[in-house]
């Protein structure tokens, strides 16, 4: 009598896939002098809402820290490094003289777009072993898990 092989633990499979994706992403960012952490900060600033009053759009350091789920002190260090590279700059807030906004520079926007396109290409390459139907099903199942176990605010 033959036994069926044990089904791999789903959490372990997801962990392994996540680890492989993160390593690939880290390898792609390294030649640009970036890490996933720096990229996330740059992306958050690049996607900051447009100022309603026609002023500069950007984020306060506190907002960046919240979006990245890191301490404000750590956000300051990340922004310092991005600013040293000319990817972001600090500017006065148009409505609150005490506040400073972090805005993306033209160079930062160019790098963000380049890296975002590179990440898309890499993702397509990684998931190319699945046909369209498999990718849709995987996306549906992962979406279901994400919705059921949403992150607390």
Protein backbone atom coordinates (compact mmCIF):
# COMPACT_ATOMS: atom_id res chain seq x y z
CA UNK A 1 0.00 0.00 0.00
CA UNK A 2 1.56 3.31 -1.05
CA UNK A 3 1.16 6.50 0.90
CA UNK A 4 0.55 9.79 -0.84
CA UNK A 5 3.41 12.25 -0.38
CA UNK A 6 2.81 14.83 2.34
CA UNK A 7 1.45 18.13 1.09
CA UNK A 8 4.00 20.90 1.67
CA UNK A 9 2.97 23.43 4.28
CA UNK A 10 1.45 26.43 2.50
CA UNK A 11 3.03 28.98 4.82
CA UNK A 12 6.46 27.50 4.13
CA UNK A 13 5.88 27.60 0.37
CA UNK A 14 4.80 31.24 0.53
CA UNK A 15 7.81 32.06 2.70
CA UNK A 16 10.16 30.45 0.18
CA UNK A 17 8.59 32.29 -2.76
CA UNK A 18 8.72 35.60 -0.87
CA UNK A 19 12.36 35.00 0.03
CA UNK A 20 13.26 34.28 -3.60
CA UNK A 21 11.42 37.36 -4.85
CA UNK A 22 13.08 39.58 -2.22
CA UNK A 23 16.54 38.25 -3.11
CA UNK A 24 15.92 38.86 -6.82
CA UNK A 25 14.65 42.36 -6.08
CA UNK A 26 17.60 43.13 -3.82
CA UNK A 27 19.99 41.96 -6.55
CA UNK A 28 18.30 44.20 -9.10
CA UNK A 29 18.43 47.23 -6.80
CA UNK A 30 22.07 46.80 -5.73
CA UNK A 31 23.63 48.11 -8.98
CA UNK A 32 21.61 51.30 -8.47
CA UNK A 33 22.93 51.71 -4.91
CA UNK A 34 19.46 51.00 -3.54
CA UNK A 35 17.93 48.53 -1.12
CA UNK A 36 14.28 47.45 -0.90
CA UNK A 37 13.93 49.78 2.09
CA UNK A 38 15.19 52.82 0.18
CA UNK A 39 13.08 51.92 -2.85
CA UNK A 40 9.92 51.70 -0.72
CA UNK A 41 10.62 55.19 0.65
CA UNK A 42 11.27 56.58 -2.82
CA UNK A 43 8.07 54.95 -4.12
CA UNK A 44 6.02 56.36 -1.23
CA UNK A 45 7.27 59.86 -2.02
CA UNK A 46 6.77 59.36 -5.77
CA UNK A 47 3.15 58.38 -5.12
CA UNK A 48 2.43 61.17 -2.65
CA UNK A 49 -0.88 62.93 -3.27
CA UNK A 50 -0.79 66.10 -5.30
CA UNK A 51 -1.11 69.29 -3.31
CA UNK A 52 -4.65 70.62 -3.51
CA UNK A 53 -3.56 74.26 -3.34
CA UNK A 54 -1.22 74.02 -6.30
CA UNK A 55 1.78 73.81 -3.97
CA UNK A 56 4.47 71.17 -3.97
CA UNK A 57 3.31 67.58 -3.43
CA UNK A 58 5.31 65.55 -0.96
CA UNK A 59 5.16 63.85 2.40
CA UNK A 60 6.10 64.85 5.92
CA UNK A 61 8.73 62.63 7.55
CA UNK A 62 6.10 61.41 10.00
CA UNK A 63 3.91 60.25 7.09
CA UNK A 64 6.83 58.45 5.47
CA UNK A 65 7.61 56.65 8.73
CA UNK A 66 3.96 55.58 9.05
CA UNK A 67 3.78 54.32 5.46
CA UNK A 68 7.00 52.34 5.87
CA UNK A 69 6.02 51.23 9.38
CA UNK A 70 9.34 52.37 10.82
CA UNK A 71 10.38 54.75 13.58
CA UNK A 72 10.57 58.44 12.59
CA UNK A 73 14.31 58.41 13.43
CA UNK A 74 14.82 55.59 10.92
CA UNK A 75 12.80 57.47 8.31
CA UNK A 76 15.06 60.48 8.82
CA UNK A 77 18.13 58.31 8.12
CA UNK A 78 16.56 56.87 4.96
CA UNK A 79 15.58 60.31 3.68
CA UNK A 80 19.05 61.67 4.50
CA UNK A 81 20.61 58.96 2.26
CA UNK A 82 18.14 59.58 -0.57
CA UNK A 83 18.71 63.32 -0.30
CA UNK A 84 22.50 62.86 -0.41
CA UNK A 85 22.01 61.07 -3.74
CA UNK A 86 19.83 63.86 -5.11
CA UNK A 87 16.74 61.64 -5.33
CA UNK A 88 14.61 63.66 -2.90
CA UNK A 89 14.76 67.07 -1.27
CA UNK A 90 13.22 68.73 1.75
CA UNK A 91 11.14 71.83 1.07
CA UNK A 92 9.02 74.10 3.29
CA UNK A 93 5.35 73.16 3.56
CA UNK A 94 3.18 75.70 1.71
CA UNK A 95 0.58 75.98 4.50
CA UNK A 96 2.48 75.11 7.67
CA UNK A 97 5.67 77.10 8.22
CA UNK A 98 6.79 74.66 10.92
CA UNK A 99 6.56 71.63 8.62
CA UNK A 100 8.86 70.32 5.93
CA UNK A 101 7.86 68.14 3.01
CA UNK A 102 10.02 65.54 1.32
CA UNK A 103 9.57 65.69 -2.45
CA UNK A 104 11.00 63.60 -5.23
CA UNK A 105 13.46 65.25 -7.61
CA UNK A 106 13.53 64.75 -11.37
CA UNK A 107 16.45 62.36 -10.91
CA UNK A 108 14.52 60.47 -8.23
CA UNK A 109 11.43 60.21 -10.43
CA UNK A 110 13.54 58.92 -13.33
CA UNK A 111 15.17 56.26 -11.13
CA UNK A 112 11.83 55.28 -9.61
CA UNK A 113 10.26 54.79 -13.06
CA UNK A 114 13.28 52.80 -14.26
CA UNK A 115 13.22 50.54 -11.20
CA UNK A 116 9.46 50.09 -11.35
CA UNK A 117 9.71 48.95 -14.99
CA UNK A 118 12.59 46.64 -14.08
CA UNK A 119 10.55 45.13 -11.24
CA UNK A 120 7.61 44.55 -13.61
CA UNK A 121 9.87 42.78 -16.12
CA UNK A 122 11.38 40.65 -13.37
CA UNK A 123 7.94 39.76 -12.03
CA UNK A 124 6.75 38.72 -15.47
CA UNK A 125 9.87 36.58 -15.89
CA UNK A 126 9.44 34.96 -12.46
CA UNK A 127 5.79 34.06 -13.01
CA UNK A 128 6.26 33.04 -16.67
CA UNK A 129 6.21 29.36 -15.63
CA UNK A 130 2.47 29.82 -14.97
CA UNK A 131 0.01 30.23 -17.81
CA UNK A 132 -2.52 33.07 -17.77
CA UNK A 133 -5.23 30.97 -16.10
CA UNK A 134 -2.82 29.83 -13.36
CA UNK A 135 -1.70 33.42 -12.72
CA UNK A 136 -5.30 34.63 -12.47
CA UNK A 137 -6.12 31.80 -10.05
CA UNK A 138 -3.04 32.47 -7.94
CA UNK A 139 -3.89 36.17 -7.85
CA UNK A 140 -7.48 35.38 -6.85
CA UNK A 141 -6.38 33.06 -4.04
CA UNK A 142 -3.73 35.44 -2.72
CA UNK A 143 -6.21 38.31 -2.87
CA UNK A 144 -8.64 36.26 -0.82
CA UNK A 145 -5.98 35.65 1.85
CA UNK A 146 -4.94 39.30 1.89
CA UNK A 147 -8.54 40.43 2.28
CA UNK A 148 -9.25 37.92 5.05
CA UNK A 149 -6.11 38.83 7.00
CA UNK A 150 -5.73 42.55 6.40
CA UNK A 151 -3.03 44.46 8.22
CA UNK A 152 -4.19 46.52 11.16
CA UNK A 153 -3.95 50.26 10.54
